[in-house]
Amino acid sequence: MSSRKYTDQSLKTVIQELLKDRGFEKKYNELEIFRCYKEVVGDVIARKTREIYMRDKTLVLKMDSGVLKQELSYQRSKIADLINEKLGARAVEQVEVW
């Protein structure tokens, strides 16, 4: 007889538990935020983003274009709201544009 325990869990739940147990949950969440950022702003703006990273719950963006930097500064709260909506969680509190 097999010593495996079978439970009725979704694949998503199993993967999330595995990531949490292995200590990869934070990095996975950051990758999901970056993916959502690209979906929210589009390919053109994503390509003009020189650097993107998370600092606590702040999404930090470094841009190549001064005009684009200013425009995204006006849309910071909207970007954060759209990313959180796509993730289904409050992962991004604010956005900083440099």
N, C-alpha and C. Protein backbone atom coordinates (compact mmCIF):
# COMPACT_ATOMS: atom_id res chain seq x y z
N MET A 1 0.83 -1.18 0.00
CA MET A 1 0.00 0.00 0.00
C MET A 1 0.87 1.24 0.00
N SER A 2 0.38 2.25 -0.62
CA SER A 2 1.10 3.52 -0.71
C SER A 2 0.91 4.33 0.57
N SER A 3 1.96 5.05 0.94
CA SER A 3 1.86 5.87 2.15
C SER A 3 1.49 7.32 1.82
N ARG A 4 1.11 7.59 0.59
CA ARG A 4 0.73 8.95 0.20
C ARG A 4 -0.63 9.31 0.75
N LYS A 5 -0.76 10.59 1.08
CA LYS A 5 -2.06 11.09 1.53
C LYS A 5 -2.68 11.87 0.39
N TYR A 6 -3.91 11.56 0.08
CA TYR A 6 -4.62 12.23 -0.99
C TYR A 6 -5.65 13.18 -0.39
N THR A 7 -5.64 14.39 -0.89
CA THR A 7 -6.64 15.37 -0.45
C THR A 7 -7.22 16.05 -1.67
N ASP A 8 -8.35 16.65 -1.49
CA ASP A 8 -8.99 17.37 -2.58
C ASP A 8 -8.62 18.84 -2.48
N GLN A 9 -7.46 19.19 -3.03
CA GLN A 9 -7.01 20.58 -3.06
C GLN A 9 -6.80 20.98 -4.50
N SER A 10 -7.04 22.26 -4.78
CA SER A 10 -6.80 22.72 -6.14
C SER A 10 -5.30 22.81 -6.39
N LEU A 11 -4.93 22.77 -7.64
CA LEU A 11 -3.53 22.86 -8.01
C LEU A 11 -2.95 24.20 -7.56
N LYS A 12 -3.74 25.25 -7.67
CA LYS A 12 -3.30 26.58 -7.25
C LYS A 12 -2.94 26.59 -5.76
N THR A 13 -3.77 25.97 -4.94
CA THR A 13 -3.52 25.91 -3.50
C THR A 13 -2.25 25.13 -3.20
N VAL A 14 -2.06 24.02 -3.88
CA VAL A 14 -0.88 23.20 -3.67
C VAL A 14 0.38 23.97 -4.05
N ILE A 15 0.35 24.66 -5.18
CA ILE A 15 1.52 25.43 -5.63
C ILE A 15 1.82 26.56 -4.66
N GLN A 16 0.79 27.27 -4.21
CA GLN A 16 0.99 28.35 -3.24
C GLN A 16 1.61 27.84 -1.94
N GLU A 17 1.15 26.70 -1.47
CA GLU A 17 1.72 26.11 -0.25
C GLU A 17 3.17 25.70 -0.46
N LEU A 18 3.47 25.15 -1.63
CA LEU A 18 4.84 24.75 -1.95
C LEU A 18 5.76 25.97 -1.99
N LEU A 19 5.32 27.04 -2.65
CA LEU A 19 6.12 28.27 -2.71
C LEU A 19 6.36 28.85 -1.32
N LYS A 20 5.34 28.82 -0.50
CA LYS A 20 5.46 29.35 0.86
C LYS A 20 6.43 28.51 1.69
N ASP A 21 6.31 27.19 1.58
CA ASP A 21 7.19 26.29 2.33
C ASP A 21 8.65 26.44 1.92
N ARG A 22 8.89 26.69 0.65
CA ARG A 22 10.26 26.79 0.14
C ARG A 22 10.82 28.21 0.23
N GLY A 23 10.01 29.19 0.63
CA GLY A 23 10.48 30.56 0.78
C GLY A 23 10.51 31.36 -0.51
N PHE A 24 9.76 30.93 -1.52
CA PHE A 24 9.74 31.61 -2.80
C PHE A 24 8.50 32.47 -3.00
N GLU A 25 7.64 32.56 -2.01
CA GLU A 25 6.36 33.25 -2.16
C GLU A 25 6.56 34.73 -2.48
N LYS A 26 7.47 35.40 -1.80
CA LYS A 26 7.70 36.83 -2.02
C LYS A 26 8.18 37.09 -3.45
N LYS A 27 9.12 36.31 -3.91
CA LYS A 27 9.66 36.49 -5.26
C LYS A 27 8.61 36.20 -6.31
N TYR A 28 7.79 35.17 -6.08
CA TYR A 28 6.71 34.85 -7.01
C TYR A 28 5.71 35.99 -7.09
N ASN A 29 5.36 36.57 -5.94
CA ASN A 29 4.43 37.69 -5.92
C ASN A 29 5.00 38.89 -6.67
N GLU A 30 6.30 39.15 -6.53
CA GLU A 30 6.93 40.24 -7.28
C GLU A 30 6.84 39.99 -8.78
N LEU A 31 7.10 38.77 -9.20
CA LEU A 31 7.01 38.46 -10.63
C LEU A 31 5.59 38.64 -11.15
N GLU A 32 4.61 38.29 -10.35
CA GLU A 32 3.21 38.50 -10.74
C GLU A 32 2.89 40.00 -10.85
N ILE A 33 3.43 40.80 -9.94
CA ILE A 33 3.23 42.24 -10.00
C ILE A 33 3.84 42.81 -11.27
N PHE A 34 5.06 42.37 -11.62
CA PHE A 34 5.72 42.85 -12.83
C PHE A 34 4.95 42.45 -14.08
N ARG A 35 4.40 41.23 -14.07
CA ARG A 35 3.60 40.78 -15.21
C ARG A 35 2.35 41.62 -15.36
N CYS A 36 1.70 41.91 -14.25
CA CYS A 36 0.49 42.73 -14.28
C CYS A 36 0.81 44.16 -14.71
N TYR A 37 1.97 44.68 -14.29
CA TYR A 37 2.38 46.02 -14.71
C TYR A 37 2.47 46.10 -16.23
N LYS A 38 3.07 45.09 -16.85
CA LYS A 38 3.19 45.08 -18.30
C LYS A 38 1.83 45.02 -18.97
N GLU A 39 0.91 44.28 -18.40
CA GLU A 39 -0.45 44.20 -18.94
C GLU A 39 -1.18 45.52 -18.79
N VAL A 40 -0.99 46.19 -17.66
CA VAL A 40 -1.70 47.43 -17.36
C VAL A 40 -1.22 48.58 -18.24
N VAL A 41 0.09 48.74 -18.38
CA VAL A 41 0.61 49.90 -19.11
C VAL A 41 0.84 49.62 -20.59
N GLY A 42 0.93 48.37 -20.98
CA GLY A 42 1.14 48.02 -22.38
C GLY A 42 2.61 47.81 -22.71
N ASP A 43 2.85 47.26 -23.90
CA ASP A 43 4.21 46.90 -24.31
C ASP A 43 5.12 48.10 -24.51
N VAL A 44 4.59 49.17 -25.11
CA VAL A 44 5.43 50.32 -25.42
C VAL A 44 5.98 50.96 -24.15
N ILE A 45 5.12 51.20 -23.18
CA ILE A 45 5.56 51.82 -21.92
C ILE A 45 6.44 50.84 -21.14
N ALA A 46 6.10 49.57 -21.16
CA ALA A 46 6.91 48.56 -20.46
C ALA A 46 8.33 48.53 -21.02
N ARG A 47 8.49 48.70 -22.33
CA ARG A 47 9.83 48.71 -22.93
C ARG A 47 10.60 49.97 -22.55
N LYS A 48 9.90 51.06 -22.30
CA LYS A 48 10.55 52.31 -21.91
C LYS A 48 10.88 52.34 -20.42
N THR A 49 10.43 51.34 -19.69
CA THR A 49 10.75 51.23 -18.27
C THR A 49 12.14 50.63 -18.13
N ARG A 50 13.07 51.44 -17.64
CA ARG A 50 14.47 51.01 -17.53
C ARG A 50 14.64 50.00 -16.41
N GLU A 51 13.98 50.24 -15.27
CA GLU A 51 14.12 49.36 -14.11
C GLU A 51 12.79 49.32 -13.37
N ILE A 52 12.48 48.15 -12.82
CA ILE A 52 11.25 47.98 -12.04
C ILE A 52 11.57 47.05 -10.88
N TYR A 53 11.18 47.46 -9.68
CA TYR A 53 11.40 46.60 -8.51
C TYR A 53 10.43 46.99 -7.41
N MET A 54 10.33 46.11 -6.41
CA MET A 54 9.46 46.33 -5.26
C MET A 54 10.30 46.70 -4.06
N ARG A 55 9.83 47.68 -3.29
CA ARG A 55 10.42 48.04 -2.00
C ARG A 55 9.26 48.06 -1.02
N ASP A 56 9.20 47.03 -0.19
CA ASP A 56 8.05 46.78 0.68
C ASP A 56 6.81 46.65 -0.19
N LYS A 57 5.83 47.53 -0.04
CA LYS A 57 4.63 47.46 -0.87
C LYS A 57 4.59 48.61 -1.88
N THR A 58 5.77 49.14 -2.21
CA THR A 58 5.88 50.23 -3.17
C THR A 58 6.51 49.70 -4.46
N LEU A 59 5.84 49.94 -5.58
CA LEU A 59 6.37 49.59 -6.88
C LEU A 59 7.20 50.77 -7.38
N VAL A 60 8.49 50.54 -7.62
CA VAL A 60 9.40 51.60 -8.05
C VAL A 60 9.69 51.41 -9.52
N LEU A 61 9.48 52.48 -10.31
CA LEU A 61 9.71 52.45 -11.74
C LEU A 61 10.75 53.49 -12.10
N LYS A 62 11.74 53.11 -12.89
CA LYS A 62 12.72 54.06 -13.41
C LYS A 62 12.52 54.09 -14.93
N MET A 63 12.29 55.30 -15.43
CA MET A 63 11.92 55.47 -16.83
C MET A 63 13.04 56.08 -17.65
N ASP A 64 13.03 55.83 -18.96
CA ASP A 64 13.99 56.43 -19.88
C ASP A 64 13.53 57.82 -20.34
N SER A 65 12.25 58.02 -20.45
CA SER A 65 11.70 59.24 -21.01
C SER A 65 11.16 60.16 -19.92
N GLY A 66 11.56 61.43 -19.96
CA GLY A 66 11.07 62.40 -18.99
C GLY A 66 9.58 62.67 -19.14
N VAL A 67 9.11 62.72 -20.38
CA VAL A 67 7.69 62.95 -20.64
C VAL A 67 6.86 61.79 -20.11
N LEU A 68 7.33 60.59 -20.38
CA LEU A 68 6.63 59.40 -19.90
C LEU A 68 6.65 59.32 -18.38
N LYS A 69 7.77 59.71 -17.80
CA LYS A 69 7.90 59.73 -16.34
C LYS A 69 6.85 60.66 -15.72
N GLN A 70 6.69 61.83 -16.31
CA GLN A 70 5.72 62.79 -15.80
C GLN A 70 4.29 62.27 -15.96
N GLU A 71 4.01 61.68 -17.11
CA GLU A 71 2.66 61.15 -17.36
C GLU A 71 2.32 60.02 -16.40
N LEU A 72 3.27 59.13 -16.14
CA LEU A 72 3.02 58.03 -15.20
C LEU A 72 2.91 58.54 -13.77
N SER A 73 3.57 59.63 -13.46
CA SER A 73 3.45 60.22 -12.12
C SER A 73 2.01 60.64 -11.84
N TYR A 74 1.32 61.11 -12.89
CA TYR A 74 -0.08 61.50 -12.72
C TYR A 74 -0.99 60.29 -12.55
N GLN A 75 -0.56 59.14 -13.05
CA GLN A 75 -1.40 57.93 -13.06
C GLN A 75 -0.99 56.91 -12.00
N ARG A 76 -0.18 57.32 -11.02
CA ARG A 76 0.35 56.37 -10.04
C ARG A 76 -0.73 55.58 -9.31
N SER A 77 -1.73 56.25 -8.78
CA SER A 77 -2.76 55.54 -8.00
C SER A 77 -3.59 54.64 -8.90
N LYS A 78 -3.82 55.07 -10.13
CA LYS A 78 -4.60 54.24 -11.06
C LYS A 78 -3.82 52.97 -11.42
N ILE A 79 -2.50 53.09 -11.63
CA ILE A 79 -1.67 51.93 -11.94
C ILE A 79 -1.71 50.94 -10.78
N ALA A 80 -1.56 51.44 -9.56
CA ALA A 80 -1.60 50.57 -8.38
C ALA A 80 -2.95 49.87 -8.26
N ASP A 81 -4.03 50.61 -8.47
CA ASP A 81 -5.37 50.02 -8.37
C ASP A 81 -5.59 48.93 -9.42
N LEU A 82 -5.15 49.18 -10.66
CA LEU A 82 -5.33 48.20 -11.72
C LEU A 82 -4.50 46.94 -11.48
N ILE A 83 -3.28 47.11 -10.99
CA ILE A 83 -2.44 45.94 -10.68
C ILE A 83 -3.08 45.12 -9.56
N ASN A 84 -3.54 45.80 -8.51
CA ASN A 84 -4.18 45.09 -7.39
C ASN A 84 -5.45 44.38 -7.83
N GLU A 85 -6.18 45.01 -8.74
CA GLU A 85 -7.41 44.39 -9.25
C GLU A 85 -7.08 43.11 -10.02
N LYS A 86 -6.04 43.16 -10.85
CA LYS A 86 -5.64 41.96 -11.61
C LYS A 86 -5.13 40.86 -10.70
N LEU A 87 -4.42 41.24 -9.63
CA LEU A 87 -3.89 40.24 -8.70
C LEU A 87 -4.96 39.70 -7.76
N GLY A 88 -5.98 40.50 -7.50
CA GLY A 88 -7.01 40.10 -6.56
C GLY A 88 -6.58 40.27 -5.11
N ALA A 89 -5.57 41.11 -4.89
CA ALA A 89 -5.06 41.36 -3.55
C ALA A 89 -4.46 42.76 -3.50
N ARG A 90 -4.29 43.27 -2.31
CA ARG A 90 -3.70 44.60 -2.13
C ARG A 90 -2.18 44.44 -1.98
N ALA A 91 -1.51 44.18 -3.10
CA ALA A 91 -0.06 43.92 -3.10
C ALA A 91 0.76 45.19 -3.28
N VAL A 92 0.18 46.19 -3.98
CA VAL A 92 0.89 47.44 -4.25
C VAL A 92 0.15 48.58 -3.56
N GLU A 93 0.80 49.22 -2.60
CA GLU A 93 0.20 50.34 -1.89
C GLU A 93 0.39 51.65 -2.65
N GLN A 94 1.59 51.82 -3.21
CA GLN A 94 1.87 53.04 -3.97
C GLN A 94 2.88 52.76 -5.07
N VAL A 95 2.99 53.73 -5.99
CA VAL A 95 3.92 53.63 -7.10
C VAL A 95 4.80 54.87 -7.10
N GLU A 96 6.10 54.66 -7.21
CA GLU A 96 7.06 55.75 -7.33
C GLU A 96 7.64 55.71 -8.73
N VAL A 97 7.74 56.89 -9.36
CA VAL A 97 8.29 56.97 -10.71
C VAL A 97 9.52 57.85 -10.66
N TRP A 98 10.65 57.31 -11.16
CA TRP A 98 11.92 58.04 -11.20
C TRP A 98 12.40 58.17 -12.61
